Each structure stands twice: as structure tokens, then as C-alpha cells.
Amino acid sequence: AARAVFAAEGMDAPMREIARRAGVGPATLYRRFPTKQALAAEAFTEQMQACRTIAEEELADPDPWHGFCRVIERLFELQARSRGVTTAFTSAFPHAIDLAAERERTLRSLAELTRRAKETGQLRSDFVLDDLILMFMANNGLHATSTSTRVAASRRFAALAIRAFRA
């Protein structure tokens, strides 16, 4: 329930709404998760681990440009299938140490992959990591009635982003 509410309403979503959607009382929710940060950490750990895994796998690609392109394709598809990924990836959770650490590891891998892709001359020299985050946030704006339609739209958007980032 928390993932769905956070994905729809962002981190400002009230805990009462999350409890209502989960079918429990607010007291029950607060006993299990004393803060919204603790709830967010639990709700988004799996998504952040998936993002980190994708970044690390593509960083290992011997062709940095190919790895960079695959990161975009895979992250966009993950995002289309799991709407909470954007919230997990773009939100700061200062009190959720594990989640913040996952995010930092992911960002370090993405930064290194970006550096390597630039060295090949295939990635625009003016590209910064925030450009990828911006595209990730824009991809989240793709709304469709079905997951398969969202995935198809995300794949097309990934292709457009890759073309825009090419040197």
C-alpha cells in the first residue's frame, strides 16, 4: 500500500492514507514504522537494489557506451513496471541509512559509467548525471492504462533519450 500511495502522491502522502489503503489503523502502522522515513525505506529497498544491480551490471560492460544505453533502457523499463521506482530513486531519505547507501552506490556506478562513456567520445561532452535523473523523472510522466503500453512508451522514450545524449 505504501508504494502505491507514495508513487501516486509522493513523499508528502499522509500516513493515515497509507494505513487506510493497507487496511490497518494508524496506530498499527506507527507501531511497525515509527516514521515515514522508516516506512519508505522498507517500501523502496527492493526497487533501490534493482536500480543498483542494473547500474553495476552495465558498468561491467566492456563497451561503456553500450552499458550507458542499456542502463537507460533497463531503468526506464523497470520504472514502467514499478511506479514506485522514481520515488525511491529521486527522493532523499536522510534517516533511512540503508536506502541512502543504496542510492549513493547506484549514483557512483552511474557517474563512473558516464565518465567512461564520455571517454569513448560517444556521449555528449556536456552531459551531466542530472540529465539522466531528469529523463528518469520525465519517463515517470508516461501514463498508460496497461503495463505493456507503459513499457512500450518507455522503450520509445529511452531510444529518444539515447539519441539526444549521443555526441
C-alpha atoms as a PDB file:
ATOM      1  CA  ALA A   1       0.000   0.000   0.000  1.00  0.00           C
ATOM      2  CA  ALA A   2       2.816   2.409   0.864  1.00  0.00           C
ATOM      3  CA  ARG A   3       4.481   2.011  -2.541  1.00  0.00           C
ATOM      4  CA  ALA A   4       1.223   2.768  -4.340  1.00  0.00           C
ATOM      5  CA  VAL A   5       0.430   5.813  -2.206  1.00  0.00           C
ATOM      6  CA  PHE A   6       3.973   7.201  -2.414  1.00  0.00           C
ATOM      7  CA  ALA A   7       4.015   6.656  -6.191  1.00  0.00           C
ATOM      8  CA  ALA A   8       0.675   8.438  -6.609  1.00  0.00           C
ATOM      9  CA  GLU A   9       1.045  11.226  -4.045  1.00  0.00           C
ATOM     10  CA  GLY A  10       4.771  11.494  -3.390  1.00  0.00           C
ATOM     11  CA  MET A  11       6.502  11.555  -0.039  1.00  0.00           C
ATOM     12  CA  ASP A  12       4.026  14.105   1.317  1.00  0.00           C
ATOM     13  CA  ALA A  13       1.313  11.459   1.393  1.00  0.00           C
ATOM     14  CA  PRO A  14      -0.248  11.228   4.854  1.00  0.00           C
ATOM     15  CA  MET A  15       0.443   8.142   6.947  1.00  0.00           C
ATOM     16  CA  ARG A  16      -3.316   7.908   7.619  1.00  0.00           C
ATOM     17  CA  GLU A  17      -3.932   7.373   3.896  1.00  0.00           C
ATOM     18  CA  ILE A  18      -1.294   4.659   3.756  1.00  0.00           C
ATOM     19  CA  ALA A  19      -2.835   2.948   6.786  1.00  0.00           C
ATOM     20  CA  ARG A  20      -6.311   3.188   5.236  1.00  0.00           C
ATOM     21  CA  ARG A  21      -5.127   1.655   1.957  1.00  0.00           C
ATOM     22  CA  ALA A  22      -3.311  -1.082   3.848  1.00  0.00           C
ATOM     23  CA  GLY A  23      -6.469  -1.883   5.785  1.00  0.00           C
ATOM     24  CA  VAL A  24      -4.930  -1.184   9.183  1.00  0.00           C
ATOM     25  CA  GLY A  25      -5.338   1.543  11.754  1.00  0.00           C
ATOM     26  CA  PRO A  26      -2.796   4.369  12.033  1.00  0.00           C
ATOM     27  CA  ALA A  27      -1.623   3.037  15.406  1.00  0.00           C
ATOM     28  CA  THR A  28      -0.774  -0.329  13.856  1.00  0.00           C
ATOM     29  CA  LEU A  29       1.157   1.362  11.066  1.00  0.00           C
ATOM     30  CA  TYR A  30       3.078   3.573  13.525  1.00  0.00           C
ATOM     31  CA  ARG A  31       3.930   0.583  15.745  1.00  0.00           C
ATOM     32  CA  ARG A  32       5.567  -1.147  12.808  1.00  0.00           C
ATOM     33  CA  PHE A  33       7.001   2.008  11.187  1.00  0.00           C
ATOM     34  CA  PRO A  34       7.513   4.826  13.717  1.00  0.00           C
ATOM     35  CA  THR A  35       8.414   7.344  10.984  1.00  0.00           C
ATOM     36  CA  LYS A  36       7.555   7.907   7.359  1.00  0.00           C
ATOM     37  CA  GLN A  37      11.262   7.515   6.595  1.00  0.00           C
ATOM     38  CA  ALA A  38      11.239   4.012   8.101  1.00  0.00           C
ATOM     39  CA  LEU A  39       8.190   3.089   6.036  1.00  0.00           C
ATOM     40  CA  ALA A  40       9.751   4.487   2.860  1.00  0.00           C
ATOM     41  CA  ALA A  41      12.950   2.563   3.497  1.00  0.00           C
ATOM     42  CA  GLU A  42      11.011  -0.682   3.810  1.00  0.00           C
ATOM     43  CA  ALA A  43       8.788   0.076   0.825  1.00  0.00           C
ATOM     44  CA  PHE A  44      11.576   1.034  -1.567  1.00  0.00           C
ATOM     45  CA  THR A  45      14.530  -1.160  -0.613  1.00  0.00           C
ATOM     46  CA  GLU A  46      13.751  -3.719  -3.314  1.00  0.00           C
ATOM     47  CA  GLN A  47      13.452  -1.038  -6.009  1.00  0.00           C
ATOM     48  CA  MET A  48      16.703   0.637  -4.986  1.00  0.00           C
ATOM     49  CA  GLN A  49      18.506  -2.707  -5.004  1.00  0.00           C
ATOM     50  CA  ALA A  50      17.187  -3.342  -8.522  1.00  0.00           C
ATOM     51  CA  CYS A  51      18.466   0.079  -9.668  1.00  0.00           C
ATOM     52  CA  ARG A  52      21.876  -0.587  -8.112  1.00  0.00           C
ATOM     53  CA  THR A  53      22.083  -4.031  -9.719  1.00  0.00           C
ATOM     54  CA  ILE A  54      21.293  -2.597 -13.157  1.00  0.00           C
ATOM     55  CA  ALA A  55      23.896   0.161 -12.766  1.00  0.00           C
ATOM     56  CA  GLU A  56      26.587  -2.259 -11.573  1.00  0.00           C
ATOM     57  CA  GLU A  57      25.868  -4.839 -14.290  1.00  0.00           C
ATOM     58  CA  GLU A  58      26.061  -2.243 -17.041  1.00  0.00           C
ATOM     59  CA  LEU A  59      29.168  -0.652 -15.538  1.00  0.00           C
ATOM     60  CA  ALA A  60      30.834  -4.045 -16.081  1.00  0.00           C
ATOM     61  CA  ASP A  61      30.068  -3.926 -19.837  1.00  0.00           C
ATOM     62  CA  PRO A  62      33.386  -3.653 -21.719  1.00  0.00           C
ATOM     63  CA  ASP A  63      31.731  -1.133 -24.074  1.00  0.00           C
ATOM     64  CA  PRO A  64      30.873   1.909 -21.909  1.00  0.00           C
ATOM     65  CA  TRP A  65      28.505   3.425 -24.486  1.00  0.00           C
ATOM     66  CA  HIS A  66      26.582   0.163 -24.762  1.00  0.00           C
ATOM     67  CA  GLY A  67      26.440  -0.071 -20.961  1.00  0.00           C
ATOM     68  CA  PHE A  68      25.217   3.520 -20.742  1.00  0.00           C
ATOM     69  CA  CYS A  69      22.459   2.851 -23.292  1.00  0.00           C
ATOM     70  CA  ARG A  70      21.436  -0.363 -21.525  1.00  0.00           C
ATOM     71  CA  VAL A  71      21.218   1.462 -18.177  1.00  0.00           C
ATOM     72  CA  ILE A  72      18.717   3.873 -19.683  1.00  0.00           C
ATOM     73  CA  GLU A  73      16.700   1.117 -21.347  1.00  0.00           C
ATOM     74  CA  ARG A  74      16.638  -1.113 -18.281  1.00  0.00           C
ATOM     75  CA  LEU A  75      15.934   1.626 -15.726  1.00  0.00           C
ATOM     76  CA  PHE A  76      13.134   3.053 -17.866  1.00  0.00           C
ATOM     77  CA  GLU A  77      11.556  -0.379 -18.245  1.00  0.00           C
ATOM     78  CA  LEU A  78      11.867  -1.086 -14.524  1.00  0.00           C
ATOM     79  CA  GLN A  79      10.219   2.258 -13.907  1.00  0.00           C
ATOM     80  CA  ALA A  80       7.346   1.441 -16.279  1.00  0.00           C
ATOM     81  CA  ARG A  81       6.727  -1.839 -14.472  1.00  0.00           C
ATOM     82  CA  SER A  82       7.111  -0.486 -10.929  1.00  0.00           C
ATOM     83  CA  ARG A  83       5.860   3.072 -10.493  1.00  0.00           C
ATOM     84  CA  GLY A  84       7.495   3.498  -7.072  1.00  0.00           C
ATOM     85  CA  VAL A  85      10.996   3.311  -8.543  1.00  0.00           C
ATOM     86  CA  THR A  86      11.018   7.027  -9.332  1.00  0.00           C
ATOM     87  CA  THR A  87      10.108   7.985  -5.789  1.00  0.00           C
ATOM     88  CA  ALA A  88      12.754   5.641  -4.431  1.00  0.00           C
ATOM     89  CA  PHE A  89      15.441   6.897  -6.763  1.00  0.00           C
ATOM     90  CA  THR A  90      14.789  10.629  -6.737  1.00  0.00           C
ATOM     91  CA  SER A  91      13.848  11.148  -3.084  1.00  0.00           C
ATOM     92  CA  ALA A  92      16.321  11.717  -0.303  1.00  0.00           C
ATOM     93  CA  PHE A  93      15.777   9.601   2.790  1.00  0.00           C
ATOM     94  CA  PRO A  94      18.285  11.031   5.271  1.00  0.00           C
ATOM     95  CA  HIS A  95      17.185   8.812   8.150  1.00  0.00           C
ATOM     96  CA  ALA A  96      16.960   5.645   6.072  1.00  0.00           C
ATOM     97  CA  ILE A  97      20.645   4.759   6.081  1.00  0.00           C
ATOM     98  CA  ASP A  98      20.353   1.562   4.016  1.00  0.00           C
ATOM     99  CA  LEU A  99      18.236   3.247   1.349  1.00  0.00           C
ATOM    100  CA  ALA A 100      20.538   6.266   1.162  1.00  0.00           C
ATOM    101  CA  ALA A 101      23.541   3.954   0.866  1.00  0.00           C
ATOM    102  CA  GLU A 102      21.893   2.009  -1.988  1.00  0.00           C
ATOM    103  CA  ARG A 103      21.145   5.258  -3.786  1.00  0.00           C
ATOM    104  CA  GLU A 104      24.722   6.506  -3.338  1.00  0.00           C
ATOM    105  CA  ARG A 105      26.185   3.229  -4.652  1.00  0.00           C
ATOM    106  CA  THR A 106      23.876   3.445  -7.660  1.00  0.00           C
ATOM    107  CA  LEU A 107      24.809   7.057  -8.350  1.00  0.00           C
ATOM    108  CA  ARG A 108      28.538   6.268  -8.064  1.00  0.00           C
ATOM    109  CA  SER A 109      28.187   3.463 -10.615  1.00  0.00           C
ATOM    110  CA  LEU A 110      26.175   5.709 -12.936  1.00  0.00           C
ATOM    111  CA  ALA A 111      28.737   8.508 -12.599  1.00  0.00           C
ATOM    112  CA  GLU A 112      31.595   6.145 -13.435  1.00  0.00           C
ATOM    113  CA  LEU A 113      29.689   4.709 -16.399  1.00  0.00           C
ATOM    114  CA  THR A 114      29.005   8.263 -17.597  1.00  0.00           C
ATOM    115  CA  ARG A 115      32.689   9.162 -17.293  1.00  0.00           C
ATOM    116  CA  ARG A 116      33.719   6.094 -19.295  1.00  0.00           C
ATOM    117  CA  ALA A 117      31.071   6.676 -21.978  1.00  0.00           C
ATOM    118  CA  LYS A 118      32.294  10.259 -22.383  1.00  0.00           C
ATOM    119  CA  GLU A 119      35.863   8.992 -22.796  1.00  0.00           C
ATOM    120  CA  THR A 120      34.755   6.953 -25.819  1.00  0.00           C
ATOM    121  CA  GLY A 121      33.532  10.143 -27.461  1.00  0.00           C
ATOM    122  CA  GLN A 122      30.062   8.684 -27.946  1.00  0.00           C
ATOM    123  CA  LEU A 123      28.376  10.522 -25.069  1.00  0.00           C
ATOM    124  CA  ARG A 124      27.912  14.274 -25.342  1.00  0.00           C
ATOM    125  CA  SER A 125      30.652  16.166 -23.557  1.00  0.00           C
ATOM    126  CA  ASP A 126      28.105  18.457 -21.865  1.00  0.00           C
ATOM    127  CA  PHE A 127      26.116  15.551 -20.399  1.00  0.00           C
ATOM    128  CA  VAL A 128      25.849  15.559 -16.604  1.00  0.00           C
ATOM    129  CA  LEU A 129      24.341  12.887 -14.388  1.00  0.00           C
ATOM    130  CA  ASP A 130      21.462  15.204 -13.518  1.00  0.00           C
ATOM    131  CA  ASP A 131      20.405  14.947 -17.185  1.00  0.00           C
ATOM    132  CA  LEU A 132      19.781  11.244 -16.678  1.00  0.00           C
ATOM    133  CA  ILE A 133      17.846  11.917 -13.470  1.00  0.00           C
ATOM    134  CA  LEU A 134      15.765  14.495 -15.343  1.00  0.00           C
ATOM    135  CA  MET A 135      14.946  11.983 -18.088  1.00  0.00           C
ATOM    136  CA  PHE A 136      14.131   9.399 -15.432  1.00  0.00           C
ATOM    137  CA  MET A 137      11.659  11.828 -13.874  1.00  0.00           C
ATOM    138  CA  ALA A 138      10.194  12.641 -17.309  1.00  0.00           C
ATOM    139  CA  ASN A 139       9.758   8.937 -18.056  1.00  0.00           C
ATOM    140  CA  ASN A 140       7.688   8.693 -14.892  1.00  0.00           C
ATOM    141  CA  GLY A 141       5.221  11.083 -16.507  1.00  0.00           C
ATOM    142  CA  LEU A 142       4.257   8.481 -19.101  1.00  0.00           C
ATOM    143  CA  HIS A 143       0.849   7.258 -18.080  1.00  0.00           C
ATOM    144  CA  ALA A 144      -0.983   4.441 -19.783  1.00  0.00           C
ATOM    145  CA  THR A 145      -3.806   2.130 -18.932  1.00  0.00           C
ATOM    146  CA  SER A 146      -1.700  -1.011 -19.021  1.00  0.00           C
ATOM    147  CA  THR A 147       1.801  -2.001 -18.027  1.00  0.00           C
ATOM    148  CA  SER A 148       2.570  -3.256 -21.531  1.00  0.00           C
ATOM    149  CA  THR A 149       1.617   0.116 -23.026  1.00  0.00           C
ATOM    150  CA  ARG A 150       3.753   1.934 -20.419  1.00  0.00           C
ATOM    151  CA  VAL A 151       6.682  -0.372 -21.193  1.00  0.00           C
ATOM    152  CA  ALA A 152       6.338   0.265 -24.938  1.00  0.00           C
ATOM    153  CA  ALA A 153       6.184   4.025 -24.369  1.00  0.00           C
ATOM    154  CA  SER A 154       9.181   3.858 -22.012  1.00  0.00           C
ATOM    155  CA  ARG A 155      11.190   1.923 -24.597  1.00  0.00           C
ATOM    156  CA  ARG A 156      10.463   4.578 -27.207  1.00  0.00           C
ATOM    157  CA  PHE A 157      11.340   7.350 -24.749  1.00  0.00           C
ATOM    158  CA  ALA A 158      14.600   5.558 -23.867  1.00  0.00           C
ATOM    159  CA  ALA A 159      15.520   5.421 -27.559  1.00  0.00           C
ATOM    160  CA  LEU A 160      14.837   9.145 -27.899  1.00  0.00           C
ATOM    161  CA  ALA A 161      16.899   9.924 -24.784  1.00  0.00           C
ATOM    162  CA  ILE A 162      19.818   7.855 -26.062  1.00  0.00           C
ATOM    163  CA  ARG A 163      19.762   9.701 -29.390  1.00  0.00           C
ATOM    164  CA  ALA A 164      19.701  13.024 -27.543  1.00  0.00           C
ATOM    165  CA  PHE A 165      22.687  12.029 -25.394  1.00  0.00           C
ATOM    166  CA  ARG A 166      24.836  10.770 -28.292  1.00  0.00           C
ATOM    167  CA  ALA A 167      27.780  13.008 -29.182  1.00  0.00           C
END
